[in-house]
């Protein structure tokens, strides 16, 4: 689950767009929630994760990080073991 500004078809900020690009590049199925549509959720997700910025990526219910962390994990190859590609159809 990616909490972001906009949605995976139309990201509303560059940081959200970058995380979407990374996830799509891995071929994983993921859902998004547009925090711009719900100010309480936008604030609540920051408090829940104790992370001050959006986007925020969760995998299997666990907080992974924001754009900077996801980008670092992509560059180091650490995302490969964390993300499972969607089954071929």
Protein backbone atom coordinates (compact mmCIF):
# COMPACT_ATOMS: atom_id res chain seq x y z
CA UNK A 1 0.00 0.00 0.00
CA UNK A 2 1.33 3.38 -0.97
CA UNK A 3 -0.03 6.44 0.79
CA UNK A 4 0.71 9.21 -1.66
CA UNK A 5 -0.35 12.49 -3.20
CA UNK A 6 -2.54 11.60 -6.15
CA UNK A 7 -2.84 8.02 -7.39
CA UNK A 8 -0.72 5.57 -9.34
CA UNK A 9 -2.20 6.78 -12.64
CA UNK A 10 -1.80 10.48 -11.83
CA UNK A 11 0.73 11.22 -9.06
CA UNK A 12 0.45 14.78 -7.74
CA UNK A 13 4.07 15.22 -6.69
CA UNK A 14 7.48 14.12 -7.89
CA UNK A 15 8.26 12.06 -4.80
CA UNK A 16 5.04 10.06 -5.14
CA UNK A 17 5.70 9.65 -8.87
CA UNK A 18 9.18 8.27 -8.16
CA UNK A 19 7.92 5.59 -5.76
CA UNK A 20 5.17 4.60 -8.22
CA UNK A 21 7.82 4.33 -10.95
CA UNK A 22 9.97 2.07 -8.75
CA UNK A 23 7.05 -0.19 -7.83
CA UNK A 24 5.87 -0.47 -11.43
CA UNK A 25 9.44 -1.28 -12.46
CA UNK A 26 9.34 -4.27 -10.11
CA UNK A 27 6.07 -5.46 -11.62
CA UNK A 28 4.34 -5.66 -8.25
CA UNK A 29 0.63 -5.23 -7.61
CA UNK A 30 -0.03 -2.34 -5.25
CA UNK A 31 -2.82 -0.07 -4.18
CA UNK A 32 -2.66 3.62 -3.41
CA UNK A 33 -4.48 6.02 -1.15
CA UNK A 34 -4.60 9.69 -2.09
CA UNK A 35 -3.88 11.56 1.15
CA UNK A 36 -4.96 14.82 -0.51
CA UNK A 37 -8.55 13.53 -0.42
CA UNK A 38 -8.56 13.11 3.37
CA UNK A 39 -6.66 15.58 5.60
CA UNK A 40 -7.27 13.44 8.71
CA UNK A 41 -5.74 10.39 7.02
CA UNK A 42 -2.82 12.51 5.77
CA UNK A 43 -2.01 13.56 9.33
CA UNK A 44 -2.91 10.22 10.87
CA UNK A 45 -0.56 8.18 8.66
CA UNK A 46 2.31 10.49 9.60
CA UNK A 47 1.57 9.97 13.29
CA UNK A 48 1.09 6.21 12.87
CA UNK A 49 4.46 5.70 11.21
CA UNK A 50 6.26 8.51 13.05
CA UNK A 51 7.44 9.60 9.59
CA UNK A 52 6.85 13.26 8.63
CA UNK A 53 6.55 13.02 4.86
CA UNK A 54 4.37 11.56 2.11
CA UNK A 55 4.62 9.19 0.24
CA UNK A 56 4.79 6.27 2.64
CA UNK A 57 5.16 2.67 1.48
CA UNK A 58 3.85 -0.30 3.47
CA UNK A 59 4.60 -3.90 2.49
CA UNK A 60 2.65 -6.69 4.19
CA UNK A 61 1.42 -4.16 6.75
CA UNK A 62 4.93 -3.01 7.70
CA UNK A 63 6.14 0.55 7.15
CA UNK A 64 9.07 0.57 4.71
CA UNK A 65 9.74 4.29 4.34
CA UNK A 66 9.28 7.37 2.26
CA UNK A 67 10.63 8.25 -1.15
CA UNK A 68 14.22 8.67 0.01
CA UNK A 69 14.31 5.28 1.75
CA UNK A 70 12.56 3.47 -1.11
CA UNK A 71 14.94 5.09 -3.59
CA UNK A 72 17.98 4.02 -1.53
CA UNK A 73 16.62 0.49 -1.25
CA UNK A 74 16.08 0.41 -5.01
CA UNK A 75 19.65 1.53 -5.68
CA UNK A 76 21.13 -0.99 -3.22
CA UNK A 77 18.96 -3.88 -4.44
CA UNK A 78 17.29 -4.30 -1.04
CA UNK A 79 13.81 -3.94 -2.55
CA UNK A 80 14.30 -7.11 -4.61
CA UNK A 81 13.84 -9.36 -1.58
CA UNK A 82 11.04 -7.29 -0.12
CA UNK A 83 8.74 -6.98 -3.13
CA UNK A 84 7.06 -9.93 -4.77
CA UNK A 85 6.20 -9.56 -8.46
CA UNK A 86 2.58 -10.04 -9.43
CA UNK A 87 1.82 -13.44 -10.97
CA UNK A 88 1.76 -13.49 -14.78
CA UNK A 89 -1.71 -13.56 -16.31
